[in-house]
Protein backbone atom coordinates (compact mmCIF):
# COMPACT_ATOMS: atom_id res chain seq x y z
CA MET A 1 7.32 -65.32 -56.71
CA PRO A 2 7.57 -65.16 -59.48
CA ILE A 3 7.56 -66.63 -63.15
CA ALA A 4 10.71 -67.43 -63.84
CA ARG A 5 9.21 -66.01 -63.27
CA ALA A 6 9.87 -67.93 -66.16
CA ALA A 7 7.31 -69.53 -64.26
CA LYS A 8 9.47 -70.77 -61.55
CA ARG A 9 10.78 -68.64 -58.75
CA ALA A 10 12.18 -70.22 -55.59
CA VAL A 11 12.41 -67.22 -53.58
CA VAL A 12 14.13 -67.28 -50.32
CA ARG A 13 13.93 -63.62 -49.37
CA LEU A 14 17.04 -63.20 -47.24
CA GLY A 15 19.18 -60.13 -46.66
CA ALA A 16 19.77 -57.15 -44.55
CA VAL A 17 19.27 -53.53 -44.77
CA THR A 18 18.34 -52.82 -48.34
CA LEU A 19 17.53 -55.38 -50.85
CA ALA A 20 16.54 -58.94 -50.93
CA GLY A 21 13.59 -60.60 -52.14
CA ALA A 22 12.34 -63.29 -54.19
CA LEU A 23 9.38 -65.46 -55.07
CA LEU A 24 8.33 -68.98 -55.73
CA ALA A 25 6.13 -71.55 -54.43
CA ALA A 26 3.70 -72.70 -51.91
CA CYS A 27 1.26 -75.38 -51.34
CA GLY A 28 -0.95 -76.19 -48.45
CA GLY A 29 -2.83 -74.19 -46.00
CA SER A 30 -5.80 -75.73 -44.26
CA THR A 31 -9.32 -74.68 -43.44
CA ASP A 32 -12.55 -76.41 -42.90
CA ASP A 33 -15.95 -75.71 -44.30
CA SER A 34 -17.17 -73.97 -41.21
CA SER A 35 -16.56 -70.42 -42.36
CA SER A 36 -17.68 -68.06 -39.63
CA ASP A 37 -15.38 -65.36 -38.43
CA SER A 38 -14.39 -65.27 -34.82
CA ALA A 39 -16.21 -62.64 -32.80
CA GLY A 40 -13.32 -61.70 -30.50
CA GLY A 41 -11.13 -64.09 -28.54
CA LYS A 42 -8.39 -66.20 -30.07
CA VAL A 43 -8.04 -66.75 -33.78
CA THR A 44 -5.44 -68.44 -36.04
CA ILE A 45 -5.14 -66.76 -39.43
CA THR A 46 -3.69 -69.23 -42.03
CA VAL A 47 -1.54 -67.74 -44.86
CA ASP A 48 -0.47 -69.88 -47.87
CA LEU A 49 2.23 -68.45 -50.07
CA PHE A 50 4.48 -69.45 -52.93
CA GLY A 51 7.95 -68.97 -51.47
CA SER A 52 8.68 -66.83 -48.53
CA PHE A 53 7.39 -63.34 -49.12
CA GLY A 54 9.54 -62.15 -46.30
CA TYR A 55 6.88 -61.32 -43.76
CA LYS A 56 8.07 -63.75 -41.16
CA GLU A 57 11.72 -63.01 -41.70
CA ALA A 58 11.15 -59.25 -41.50
CA GLY A 59 9.29 -59.75 -38.22
CA LEU A 60 5.92 -58.41 -39.62
CA TYR A 61 3.89 -61.36 -38.37
CA ALA A 62 5.25 -61.00 -34.87
CA GLU A 63 4.56 -57.26 -34.92
CA TYR A 64 0.97 -57.84 -36.06
CA GLU A 65 0.40 -60.46 -33.40
CA LYS A 66 1.70 -58.04 -30.80
CA LEU A 67 -0.67 -55.33 -32.01
CA HIS A 68 -3.59 -57.79 -32.06
CA PRO A 69 -3.58 -59.94 -28.92
CA GLY A 70 -5.25 -63.27 -29.42
CA VAL A 71 -4.24 -63.40 -33.18
CA THR A 72 -1.81 -66.11 -34.30
CA ILE A 73 -0.59 -66.24 -37.87
CA LYS A 74 0.31 -69.60 -39.36
CA GLN A 75 2.04 -69.65 -42.74
CA THR A 76 2.68 -72.50 -45.20
CA ASP A 77 4.82 -72.32 -48.27
CA THR A 78 6.67 -74.51 -50.83
CA GLU A 79 9.05 -73.82 -53.72
CA ASP A 80 7.42 -74.19 -57.12
CA GLU A 81 4.77 -71.61 -58.06
CA ALA A 82 3.40 -73.91 -60.86
CA ASP A 83 2.80 -76.65 -58.28
CA TYR A 84 1.30 -74.14 -55.89
CA TRP A 85 -1.15 -72.87 -58.56
CA LYS A 86 -2.15 -76.37 -59.57
CA SER A 87 -2.83 -77.24 -55.93
CA LEU A 88 -4.74 -74.02 -55.34
CA GLN A 89 -6.97 -74.76 -58.38
CA THR A 90 -7.78 -78.15 -57.01
CA ARG A 91 -8.69 -76.78 -53.58
CA LEU A 92 -10.77 -73.98 -55.13
CA ALA A 93 -12.72 -76.42 -57.16
CA GLY A 94 -13.38 -78.55 -54.07
CA ASN A 95 -14.15 -75.49 -51.92
CA ALA A 96 -11.95 -76.97 -49.15
CA GLY A 97 -8.41 -76.95 -47.84
CA LEU A 98 -7.97 -73.26 -48.46
CA ALA A 99 -6.08 -70.87 -46.20
CA ASP A 100 -7.58 -67.55 -44.96
CA VAL A 101 -4.97 -65.73 -47.18
CA GLN A 102 -3.81 -67.06 -50.52
CA GLY A 103 -0.90 -65.60 -52.45
CA ILE A 104 -1.49 -64.90 -56.20
CA GLU A 105 1.38 -64.40 -58.59
CA VAL A 106 1.08 -61.53 -60.99
CA GLY A 107 1.09 -63.92 -63.98
CA ARG A 108 -2.07 -65.57 -62.47
CA ILE A 109 -4.00 -62.44 -61.35
CA ALA A 110 -5.74 -62.15 -64.71
CA SER A 111 -7.14 -65.65 -64.28
CA VAL A 112 -8.44 -64.73 -60.89
CA ALA A 113 -9.97 -61.43 -61.99
CA GLN A 114 -11.41 -62.70 -65.27
CA GLN A 115 -12.36 -66.28 -64.53
CA GLN A 116 -12.46 -66.88 -60.85
CA ALA A 117 -13.98 -63.83 -59.15
CA ASP A 118 -16.75 -65.96 -57.70
CA ARG A 119 -14.16 -68.01 -55.70
CA PHE A 120 -12.66 -65.07 -53.82
CA GLU A 121 -13.97 -62.42 -51.57
CA ASP A 122 -14.77 -58.98 -52.99
CA LEU A 123 -12.67 -56.91 -50.57
CA LYS A 124 -14.87 -53.88 -51.10
CA LYS A 125 -17.17 -55.63 -48.61
CA TYR A 126 -14.59 -54.74 -46.00
CA GLY A 127 -13.79 -51.27 -47.14
CA ALA A 128 -10.96 -51.87 -49.64
CA ASP A 129 -12.25 -49.06 -51.91
CA SER A 130 -10.61 -46.60 -49.65
CA LEU A 131 -7.16 -48.06 -50.39
CA LYS A 132 -7.21 -47.52 -54.15
CA ASP A 133 -5.02 -44.41 -54.11
CA GLN A 134 -2.44 -46.18 -52.05
CA PHE A 135 -1.37 -48.37 -54.99
CA ALA A 136 0.01 -47.72 -58.46
CA PRO A 137 -2.96 -47.61 -60.87
CA ALA A 138 -1.76 -50.71 -62.90
CA LYS A 139 -1.20 -52.74 -59.73
CA TRP A 140 -4.73 -51.99 -58.54
CA ALA A 141 -6.42 -52.47 -61.85
CA ALA A 142 -4.94 -55.95 -62.37
CA ALA A 143 -6.85 -57.30 -59.38
CA THR A 144 -10.10 -55.72 -60.31
CA GLY A 145 -12.83 -58.16 -61.61
CA LYS A 146 -15.19 -57.48 -64.43
CA GLY A 147 -17.89 -56.29 -62.10
CA GLY A 148 -15.57 -53.97 -60.22
CA GLU A 149 -14.71 -56.49 -57.50
CA VAL A 150 -11.51 -55.96 -55.54
CA LEU A 151 -10.05 -59.43 -55.50
CA GLY A 152 -6.59 -58.89 -53.97
CA LEU A 153 -4.24 -56.36 -52.54
CA GLY A 154 -0.79 -55.80 -54.14
CA THR A 155 2.44 -56.78 -52.37
CA ASP A 156 5.67 -56.10 -54.28
CA VAL A 157 6.58 -55.43 -57.90
CA GLY A 158 9.57 -56.54 -59.90
CA PRO A 159 11.31 -53.62 -61.58
CA GLU A 160 14.39 -54.88 -63.50
CA ALA A 161 18.09 -54.19 -63.56
CA MET A 162 21.28 -56.05 -64.35
CA CYS A 163 23.28 -57.68 -61.54
CA TYR A 164 26.98 -58.43 -62.24
CA ARG A 165 30.20 -59.66 -60.64
CA THR A 166 32.75 -56.88 -60.52
CA ASP A 167 35.58 -59.27 -59.62
CA LEU A 168 34.94 -61.48 -62.71
CA PHE A 169 34.69 -58.41 -64.93
CA LYS A 170 38.14 -57.25 -63.73
CA GLN A 171 39.69 -60.61 -64.48
CA ALA A 172 38.25 -60.52 -67.98
CA GLY A 173 39.47 -56.93 -68.51
CA LEU A 174 35.96 -55.32 -68.70
CA PRO A 175 35.05 -52.05 -66.94
CA THR A 176 33.20 -52.32 -63.68
CA ASP A 177 31.66 -48.87 -63.34
CA ARG A 178 27.92 -49.19 -63.42
CA GLU A 179 27.32 -45.96 -65.34
CA GLU A 180 29.93 -46.92 -68.02
CA LEU A 181 28.39 -50.38 -68.33
CA ALA A 182 24.87 -48.98 -68.65
CA LYS A 183 26.09 -47.05 -71.77
CA LYS A 184 27.91 -50.05 -73.22
CA TRP A 185 24.91 -52.30 -72.93
CA ALA A 186 22.21 -49.68 -73.60
CA THR A 187 20.71 -52.26 -76.02
CA TRP A 188 20.45 -56.09 -75.82
CA ASP A 189 22.75 -56.35 -78.85
CA GLY A 190 25.30 -54.36 -76.91
CA TYR A 191 24.89 -56.70 -73.93
CA LEU A 192 25.51 -59.82 -76.05
CA ALA A 193 28.51 -58.11 -77.80
CA LEU A 194 30.04 -57.44 -74.32
CA GLY A 195 29.31 -61.04 -73.48
CA LYS A 196 31.54 -62.21 -76.32
CA GLN A 197 34.32 -59.98 -75.09
CA TYR A 198 33.91 -61.57 -71.65
CA LYS A 199 33.99 -65.04 -73.01
CA ALA A 200 37.26 -64.41 -74.83
CA LYS A 201 39.06 -63.68 -71.58
CA ALA A 202 36.76 -65.13 -68.96
CA PRO A 203 38.03 -66.91 -65.88
CA ALA A 204 37.85 -70.69 -66.03
CA LYS A 205 34.40 -72.23 -65.82
CA SER A 206 32.63 -68.85 -65.87
CA ALA A 207 30.01 -67.85 -68.39
CA TRP A 208 28.48 -64.49 -69.30
CA LEU A 209 25.01 -65.19 -67.90
CA ASP A 210 23.22 -67.95 -65.92
CA SER A 211 20.62 -69.13 -68.42
CA VAL A 212 18.99 -67.97 -71.65
CA GLY A 213 15.64 -68.47 -69.97
CA SER A 214 16.42 -65.60 -67.62
CA LEU A 215 17.39 -63.39 -70.54
CA TYR A 216 14.08 -64.14 -72.25
CA SER A 217 12.05 -63.49 -69.11
CA ILE A 218 13.71 -60.14 -68.50
CA MET A 219 13.32 -59.00 -72.07
CA ILE A 220 9.63 -59.94 -72.41
CA GLY A 221 9.07 -58.09 -69.10
CA GLN A 222 9.97 -54.83 -70.94
CA GLU A 223 6.86 -55.18 -73.18
CA LYS A 224 3.36 -53.89 -72.79
CA GLU A 225 1.94 -56.64 -74.87
CA ARG A 226 3.47 -60.12 -74.52
CA TYR A 227 1.08 -63.08 -74.87
CA TYR A 228 -2.24 -61.29 -75.21
CA ASP A 229 -3.35 -57.93 -76.66
CA ALA A 230 -5.60 -55.47 -74.85
CA SER A 231 -8.71 -57.13 -76.25
CA GLY A 232 -7.79 -60.53 -74.72
CA LYS A 233 -6.69 -62.08 -78.01
CA LEU A 234 -3.74 -64.47 -78.00
CA ILE A 235 -0.91 -62.84 -79.96
CA TRP A 236 2.25 -64.52 -78.67
CA GLU A 237 3.05 -66.35 -81.88
CA GLN A 238 2.84 -63.24 -84.04
CA ASN A 239 4.30 -60.80 -81.42
CA PRO A 240 7.53 -59.27 -82.88
CA ALA A 241 8.64 -58.24 -79.30
CA LEU A 242 8.32 -61.76 -78.05
CA ARG A 243 10.13 -63.15 -81.14
CA SER A 244 12.98 -60.61 -80.55
CA ALA A 245 13.33 -61.91 -76.98
CA TRP A 246 13.39 -65.43 -78.27
CA ASP A 247 15.93 -64.67 -80.95
CA HIS A 248 18.34 -62.92 -78.53
CA ALA A 249 18.04 -65.86 -76.15
CA VAL A 250 18.80 -68.29 -78.93
CA GLN A 251 21.76 -66.19 -80.00
CA ALA A 252 23.14 -66.25 -76.48
CA ALA A 253 22.76 -70.02 -76.45
CA ASN A 254 24.44 -70.44 -79.78
CA ASP A 255 27.32 -68.14 -78.91
CA GLY A 256 28.08 -70.09 -75.79
CA LEU A 257 27.37 -67.30 -73.36
CA SER A 258 25.27 -69.23 -70.92
CA ALA A 259 26.21 -71.37 -68.00
CA LYS A 260 23.28 -73.63 -68.93
CA LEU A 261 21.82 -73.62 -65.41
CA ASP A 262 18.20 -74.26 -64.67
CA GLN A 263 17.04 -71.43 -62.39
CA TRP A 264 16.17 -72.49 -58.88
CA SER A 265 18.06 -75.84 -59.25
CA PRO A 266 20.70 -76.80 -56.65
CA GLN A 267 23.47 -76.26 -59.32
CA TRP A 268 22.16 -72.75 -59.98
CA ASN A 269 22.19 -71.99 -56.29
CA GLN A 270 25.79 -73.16 -55.90
CA ALA A 271 26.89 -71.11 -58.93
CA PHE A 272 26.37 -67.78 -57.11
CA SER A 273 29.27 -68.48 -54.78
CA ALA A 274 31.29 -70.47 -57.36
CA GLY A 275 31.37 -67.57 -59.88
CA SER A 276 29.94 -69.68 -62.65
CA PHE A 277 28.38 -66.57 -64.36
CA ALA A 278 29.20 -62.93 -64.50
CA THR A 279 25.85 -61.28 -65.07
CA MET A 280 22.19 -62.00 -64.43
CA PRO A 281 19.24 -59.89 -65.41
CA CYS A 282 17.55 -59.31 -62.10
CA PRO A 283 14.22 -57.92 -60.80
CA ALA A 284 14.39 -56.20 -57.44
CA TRP A 285 13.24 -59.26 -55.54
CA MET A 286 16.24 -61.31 -56.87
CA LEU A 287 18.83 -59.31 -54.89
CA GLY A 288 17.79 -61.01 -51.66
CA TYR A 289 18.07 -64.35 -53.33
CA ILE A 290 21.53 -63.56 -54.51
CA LYS A 291 22.55 -62.53 -51.01
CA GLY A 292 21.24 -65.75 -49.59
CA GLN A 293 23.07 -67.93 -52.11
CA ALA A 294 26.39 -66.00 -52.38
CA GLY A 295 26.66 -65.52 -48.62
CA GLU A 296 28.88 -63.09 -46.75
CA ALA A 297 31.80 -63.96 -48.96
CA GLY A 298 29.96 -62.39 -51.95
CA LYS A 299 29.58 -58.96 -50.28
CA GLY A 300 31.21 -56.29 -52.41
CA LYS A 301 31.73 -58.60 -55.44
CA TRP A 302 28.34 -57.79 -56.91
CA ASP A 303 26.97 -54.58 -58.32
CA VAL A 304 23.78 -53.42 -59.98
CA ALA A 305 23.35 -51.36 -63.19
CA LYS A 306 20.57 -50.11 -65.39
CA LEU A 307 18.98 -52.82 -67.56
CA PRO A 308 19.62 -52.90 -71.38
CA GLY A 309 16.72 -51.97 -73.59
CA GLY A 310 14.64 -49.89 -71.14
CA ALA A 311 12.60 -50.47 -68.09
CA GLY A 312 10.66 -53.66 -67.46
CA ASN A 313 8.89 -55.66 -64.76
CA TRP A 314 9.26 -59.28 -63.81
CA GLY A 315 7.12 -60.54 -60.96
CA GLY A 316 5.17 -59.18 -58.09
CA SER A 317 2.24 -60.68 -56.20
CA TYR A 318 -1.11 -60.22 -54.53
CA LEU A 319 -2.81 -61.39 -51.31
CA ALA A 320 -6.34 -62.58 -51.65
CA VAL A 321 -9.05 -64.05 -49.43
CA PRO A 322 -10.94 -67.09 -50.76
CA LYS A 323 -14.72 -67.29 -50.13
CA ALA A 324 -14.13 -70.59 -48.28
CA ALA A 325 -11.81 -68.99 -45.83
CA LYS A 326 -12.63 -69.48 -42.16
CA HIS A 327 -11.71 -66.07 -40.95
CA LYS A 328 -12.48 -63.63 -43.80
CA LYS A 329 -12.63 -60.33 -41.92
CA GLU A 330 -9.49 -61.04 -39.83
CA ALA A 331 -7.72 -62.14 -43.02
CA TYR A 332 -8.68 -58.83 -44.73
CA GLU A 333 -7.46 -56.75 -41.81
CA LEU A 334 -4.12 -58.68 -41.94
CA ILE A 335 -3.51 -58.20 -45.69
CA LYS A 336 -4.59 -54.56 -45.45
CA TRP A 337 -1.90 -54.04 -42.80
CA LEU A 338 0.76 -56.14 -44.58
CA THR A 339 0.29 -54.17 -47.86
CA ALA A 340 0.16 -50.70 -46.28
CA PRO A 341 3.01 -48.27 -47.21
CA GLU A 342 4.54 -48.48 -43.74
CA GLN A 343 4.90 -52.24 -43.88
CA GLN A 344 6.01 -52.28 -47.55
CA THR A 345 8.71 -49.79 -46.57
CA LYS A 346 9.87 -52.04 -43.66
CA LEU A 347 9.85 -55.08 -45.96
CA PHE A 348 12.09 -53.33 -48.47
CA GLN A 349 14.54 -52.15 -45.79
CA LYS A 350 14.79 -55.57 -44.18
CA GLN A 351 14.23 -57.99 -47.09
CA GLY A 352 14.45 -55.95 -50.32
CA ASN A 353 10.98 -56.56 -51.79
CA PHE A 354 10.34 -53.47 -53.92
CA PRO A 355 6.98 -51.88 -52.86
CA SER A 356 3.94 -51.43 -55.00
CA ALA A 357 2.41 -48.82 -52.64
CA THR A 358 3.28 -45.39 -54.03
CA GLY A 359 3.94 -43.84 -50.65
CA ALA A 360 6.54 -46.58 -49.88
CA ILE A 361 8.30 -46.08 -53.20
CA GLU A 362 9.08 -42.48 -52.25
CA LYS A 363 10.37 -43.50 -48.86
CA VAL A 364 13.03 -45.91 -50.31
CA ALA A 365 14.29 -43.71 -53.07
CA ASP A 366 17.68 -43.06 -51.43
CA ALA A 367 18.37 -46.69 -50.38
CA LYS A 368 21.74 -48.20 -51.09
CA ASP A 369 23.05 -51.71 -50.56
CA ALA A 370 26.45 -52.45 -49.20
CA PHE A 371 26.33 -56.07 -50.36
CA PHE A 372 25.99 -54.78 -53.99
CA SER A 373 28.91 -52.40 -53.76
CA ASP A 374 26.71 -49.54 -52.36
CA ALA A 375 24.63 -49.55 -55.48
CA PRO A 376 21.83 -47.01 -55.37
CA ILE A 377 19.18 -49.58 -55.57
CA GLY A 378 16.35 -47.23 -54.42
CA LYS A 379 17.02 -45.01 -57.45
CA ILE A 380 17.80 -47.73 -59.98
CA PHE A 381 14.70 -49.87 -59.24
CA GLY A 382 12.62 -46.77 -58.41
CA ASP A 383 13.34 -45.23 -61.79
CA ALA A 384 12.53 -48.53 -63.52
CA ALA A 385 9.25 -48.86 -61.59
CA LYS A 386 8.19 -45.44 -62.81
CA GLU A 387 9.13 -46.14 -66.48
CA VAL A 388 7.85 -49.69 -66.89
CA PRO A 389 5.02 -50.01 -69.29
CA VAL A 390 1.58 -50.98 -68.01
CA GLN A 391 1.48 -54.60 -69.06
CA VAL A 392 -1.45 -56.42 -70.56
CA LEU A 393 -2.03 -59.51 -68.45
CA GLY A 394 -3.71 -62.63 -69.76
CA VAL A 395 -5.29 -65.57 -68.16
CA HIS A 396 -2.56 -67.99 -69.40
CA ASP A 397 0.53 -65.74 -69.23
CA GLN A 398 2.35 -68.03 -66.80
CA ASN A 399 1.60 -71.21 -68.72
CA ILE A 400 2.76 -69.84 -72.09
CA ALA A 401 5.97 -68.43 -70.45
CA GLN A 402 6.76 -71.78 -69.02
CA GLN A 403 6.45 -73.51 -72.38
CA ILE A 404 8.68 -70.95 -74.08
CA THR A 405 11.41 -71.15 -71.36
CA ASN A 406 11.24 -74.94 -71.50
CA ALA A 407 11.81 -74.77 -75.23
CA LEU A 408 14.76 -72.40 -74.83
CA SER A 409 16.24 -74.83 -72.35
CA GLU A 410 16.17 -77.48 -75.08
CA VAL A 411 18.14 -75.14 -77.32
CA GLU A 412 20.59 -74.33 -74.60
CA ARG A 413 21.14 -77.71 -73.01
CA LYS A 414 20.29 -80.29 -75.67
CA GLY A 415 21.29 -78.47 -78.84
CA THR A 416 17.78 -78.63 -80.26
CA SER A 417 17.32 -76.47 -83.32
CA PRO A 418 15.52 -73.13 -82.68
CA GLU A 419 12.89 -74.15 -85.28
CA LYS A 420 12.19 -77.46 -83.57
CA ALA A 421 12.17 -75.85 -80.11
CA TRP A 422 9.75 -73.22 -81.25
CA SER A 423 7.50 -75.91 -82.61
CA ASN A 424 7.78 -77.75 -79.33
CA ALA A 425 6.79 -74.52 -77.46
CA LYS A 426 3.73 -74.10 -79.71
CA LYS A 427 2.60 -77.67 -79.08
CA GLY A 428 3.10 -77.23 -75.32
CA VAL A 429 0.99 -74.15 -75.30
CA GLU A 430 -1.75 -75.86 -77.31
CA ASN A 431 -1.74 -78.83 -74.88
CA THR A 432 -1.66 -76.67 -71.78
CA ILE A 433 -4.29 -74.08 -72.65
CA GLY A 434 -6.26 -75.75 -75.44
């Protein structure tokens, strides 16, 4: 899941034939310290994820078990990625309680690659080198350790777009055509200006967007450098791109354009069917979440258009094998199969998770989604995936993002001044990462 990604992403990946997806949270998994792989016979592979990655829902576990008699897959997951990561760190430190397969959110992969390579299997041991050309270069490189270790295989990615409610747009007298809207909100200033128009004639109890935190997250996802530069130096305080995302989020809060909903909260979930907001910046994996919350009654009321300000990425994950895993070889064979282009294609078709495998991206290029007014989601998200900058990932990306979105929530919901909120974010970062 996500990092709500920004560090939260409750991701119930529901949906049908074209897009759905999401991310957030897991905790648990159990292994013991006897770490020998099974030599044939029956084996239970434990998988610990943050949120439902969609494998079970798409029938991939059942398919794998059918192809591999004697193999049973047991998955555990929870909701909050931050809690999942904290629990995972505790279990890694104790070298116990780890699953055979652990999910790693993209905002954490730099920590694994740069600081924790000794706690995870180098998948080259099992032949992972041969898979390199299967993935986009940036996806592969992010999970590569300092010594060239392959520490995880990529699952989905999070190319971004804008989801919007056509019925609410009509009521407010705004155009609904996705191409026309893409021109009107080609920039984020244009997006906020259109939001003011919406507010002037909006249906009762309906805001322009769900939260300013989601606006910040999507904008920062368009940048190559966010919290660190390529040398590993912290730059977030001086980064003009980050400050621009902050300022736009503050402006949206001050202009009253937000529904002031905490993402992943029960109130936010209810808002999808209640029409509490008209637009929401959305990575590909979010479409499935919208379907699940809006339900069948929402079909045809939503659409998807190109994102303001250019392409960006929010989210995506990896599957890794801890050194303390009980069934390492079997775990590798499972994640190799789950992340292969064929399975990534199936997952997109059934759950909507946008693939990171290059072969799968080509196969979904013509996909449309009836729930989202037959939006050409394969093209919209595929184009974004091709254009997104290769992002610099740092070891504390997720922690910093969480502090900033917490501070923006203070502006949005408590009326805290932007200056005070920024100061609180700075203190939060210092306390979190030292």
